[in-house]
Amino acid sequence: MSTTVELPFGAQLIGQTENALSAIIESLLAETGVRRDQWIALRVASSTSAQQQITRLASTFQEHPDSAGARLDELIAAGLLQRDGELTQAGRDLINNTVPRTDAVAKRLWGDLPAGDLDIAGRVLRTVLTRASAGAG
């Protein structure tokens, strides 16, 4: 059943969109035993050199580097990441099995939207993220 959302642009629309997208990723991850925040941390770790992982995680989660380090320790304890920052086979398998499923959802959600609209949305979201990260508000 499809429902059109009639909210004006603003915090409520953004928040409800975030909640809906979070629910989708959480349902995809439910069978893996990995939480959404662990998935995000694993994806960041998988695309970042070991030297940059803590910095990128701290930025991604807007947290202190010590907390970001604890996230890496959690991935290591779960057998998804090695101490040297490289993914384990289990980490690679999780990504290889999950990314196609998330890509399919993304294609369903915005695959038919015009490229120009997506470019504009991306620019707007990056601007808002930059401002929010800088503490403007």
Protein backbone atom coordinates (compact mmCIF):
# COMPACT_ATOMS: atom_id res chain seq x y z
CA MET A 1 0.00 0.00 0.00
CA SER A 2 1.45 3.32 -1.06
CA THR A 3 0.73 6.50 0.87
CA THR A 4 1.63 10.01 -0.21
CA VAL A 5 3.22 12.01 2.59
CA GLU A 6 1.90 15.56 2.70
CA LEU A 7 4.38 17.12 5.12
CA PRO A 8 5.98 20.45 4.20
CA PHE A 9 9.76 20.51 3.85
CA GLY A 10 11.35 20.83 7.27
CA ALA A 11 12.63 18.97 10.28
CA GLN A 12 9.58 16.72 10.61
CA LEU A 13 9.82 15.53 7.00
CA ILE A 14 13.57 14.97 7.31
CA GLY A 15 13.15 13.14 10.62
CA GLN A 16 10.38 10.88 9.35
CA THR A 17 12.43 10.11 6.23
CA GLU A 18 15.43 9.20 8.38
CA ASN A 19 13.25 6.99 10.57
CA ALA A 20 11.75 5.20 7.56
CA LEU A 21 15.19 4.60 6.01
CA SER A 22 16.56 3.40 9.35
CA ALA A 23 13.70 0.93 9.68
CA ILE A 24 14.49 -0.45 6.23
CA ILE A 25 18.20 -0.98 6.94
CA GLU A 26 17.42 -2.45 10.36
CA SER A 27 15.05 -4.96 8.79
CA LEU A 28 17.73 -5.94 6.25
CA LEU A 29 20.26 -6.37 9.06
CA ALA A 30 17.94 -8.20 11.46
CA GLU A 31 19.01 -11.66 10.33
CA THR A 32 22.72 -10.80 10.51
CA GLY A 33 22.86 -9.92 14.21
CA VAL A 34 24.54 -6.63 13.30
CA ARG A 35 23.02 -3.35 14.49
CA ARG A 36 22.60 -0.35 12.20
CA ASP A 37 25.40 1.59 13.90
CA GLN A 38 27.72 -1.42 13.57
CA TRP A 39 26.85 -1.68 9.87
CA ILE A 40 27.66 2.00 9.34
CA ALA A 41 30.94 1.60 11.24
CA LEU A 42 31.83 -1.49 9.19
CA ARG A 43 31.11 0.34 5.93
CA VAL A 44 33.27 3.28 7.03
CA ALA A 45 36.07 0.93 8.11
CA SER A 46 35.87 -0.97 4.83
CA SER A 47 36.36 2.18 2.77
CA THR A 48 38.98 3.88 4.93
CA SER A 49 42.61 3.18 5.67
CA ALA A 50 43.38 1.94 9.17
CA GLN A 51 45.04 5.28 9.94
CA GLN A 52 41.87 7.20 9.08
CA GLN A 53 39.21 4.91 10.57
CA ILE A 54 38.92 6.59 13.98
CA THR A 55 38.83 10.08 12.47
CA ARG A 56 36.17 9.11 9.92
CA LEU A 57 34.07 7.25 12.48
CA ALA A 58 34.24 10.16 14.93
CA SER A 59 33.08 12.46 12.15
CA THR A 60 30.38 10.08 10.90
CA PHE A 61 28.87 9.58 14.35
CA GLN A 62 29.68 13.09 15.66
CA GLU A 63 31.50 11.64 18.65
CA HIS A 64 34.81 11.71 20.50
CA PRO A 65 37.64 9.66 18.98
CA ASP A 66 37.62 7.40 22.06
CA SER A 67 34.04 6.40 21.26
CA ALA A 68 35.01 5.80 17.64
CA GLY A 69 37.83 3.56 18.83
CA ALA A 70 35.34 1.63 20.94
CA ARG A 71 33.25 1.10 17.80
CA LEU A 72 36.27 -0.45 16.09
CA ASP A 73 36.88 -2.64 19.14
CA GLU A 74 33.27 -3.81 18.92
CA LEU A 75 33.74 -4.79 15.27
CA ILE A 76 36.93 -6.64 16.20
CA ALA A 77 35.13 -8.47 19.01
CA ALA A 78 32.35 -9.41 16.58
CA GLY A 79 34.93 -10.94 14.25
CA LEU A 80 34.24 -8.47 11.45
CA LEU A 81 37.46 -6.44 11.61
CA GLN A 82 41.07 -7.26 12.36
CA ARG A 83 43.28 -5.20 14.67
CA ASP A 84 45.19 -3.93 11.62
CA GLY A 85 41.98 -2.31 10.32
CA GLU A 86 41.35 -4.87 7.58
CA LEU A 87 38.05 -6.67 7.28
CA THR A 88 37.92 -10.32 8.24
CA GLN A 89 36.37 -12.83 5.88
CA ALA A 90 33.18 -12.58 7.93
CA GLY A 91 33.20 -8.79 7.49
CA ARG A 92 33.71 -9.09 3.74
CA ASP A 93 30.97 -11.71 3.50
CA LEU A 94 28.56 -9.50 5.43
CA ILE A 95 29.23 -6.58 3.10
CA ASN A 96 29.08 -8.74 -0.03
CA ASN A 97 25.76 -10.27 1.04
CA THR A 98 24.14 -7.08 2.31
CA VAL A 99 25.17 -4.37 -0.15
CA PRO A 100 23.22 -5.88 -3.07
CA ARG A 101 20.11 -5.88 -0.89
CA THR A 102 20.59 -2.26 0.19
CA ASP A 103 21.31 -1.29 -3.43
CA ALA A 104 18.04 -2.91 -4.52
CA VAL A 105 16.13 -0.88 -1.91
CA ALA A 106 17.91 2.32 -2.98
CA LYS A 107 17.03 1.64 -6.60
CA ARG A 108 13.38 1.14 -5.65
CA LEU A 109 13.32 4.32 -3.56
CA TRP A 110 15.13 6.78 -5.82
CA GLY A 111 16.26 4.95 -8.94
CA ASP A 112 13.57 6.55 -11.10
CA LEU A 113 14.11 10.11 -9.89
CA PRO A 114 15.71 12.52 -12.36
CA ALA A 115 19.49 12.87 -11.98
CA GLY A 116 19.16 16.64 -11.65
CA ASP A 117 16.78 16.28 -8.70
CA LEU A 118 19.19 13.86 -7.01
CA ASP A 119 22.09 16.27 -7.59
CA ILE A 120 20.13 19.10 -5.99
CA ALA A 121 19.02 16.94 -3.07
CA GLY A 122 22.62 15.82 -2.55
CA ARG A 123 23.90 19.40 -2.53
CA VAL A 124 21.23 20.50 -0.07
CA LEU A 125 21.84 17.57 2.28
CA ARG A 126 25.64 18.08 2.18
CA THR A 127 25.17 21.77 3.00
CA VAL A 128 22.85 20.99 5.92
CA LEU A 129 25.19 18.26 7.17
CA THR A 130 28.18 20.60 6.98
CA ARG A 131 26.35 23.29 8.91
CA ALA A 132 25.00 20.87 11.52
CA SER A 133 28.44 19.32 11.96
CA ALA A 134 29.90 22.77 12.52
CA GLY A 135 27.34 23.41 15.26
CA ALA A 136 25.23 25.93 13.38
CA GLY A 137 21.74 25.78 14.69
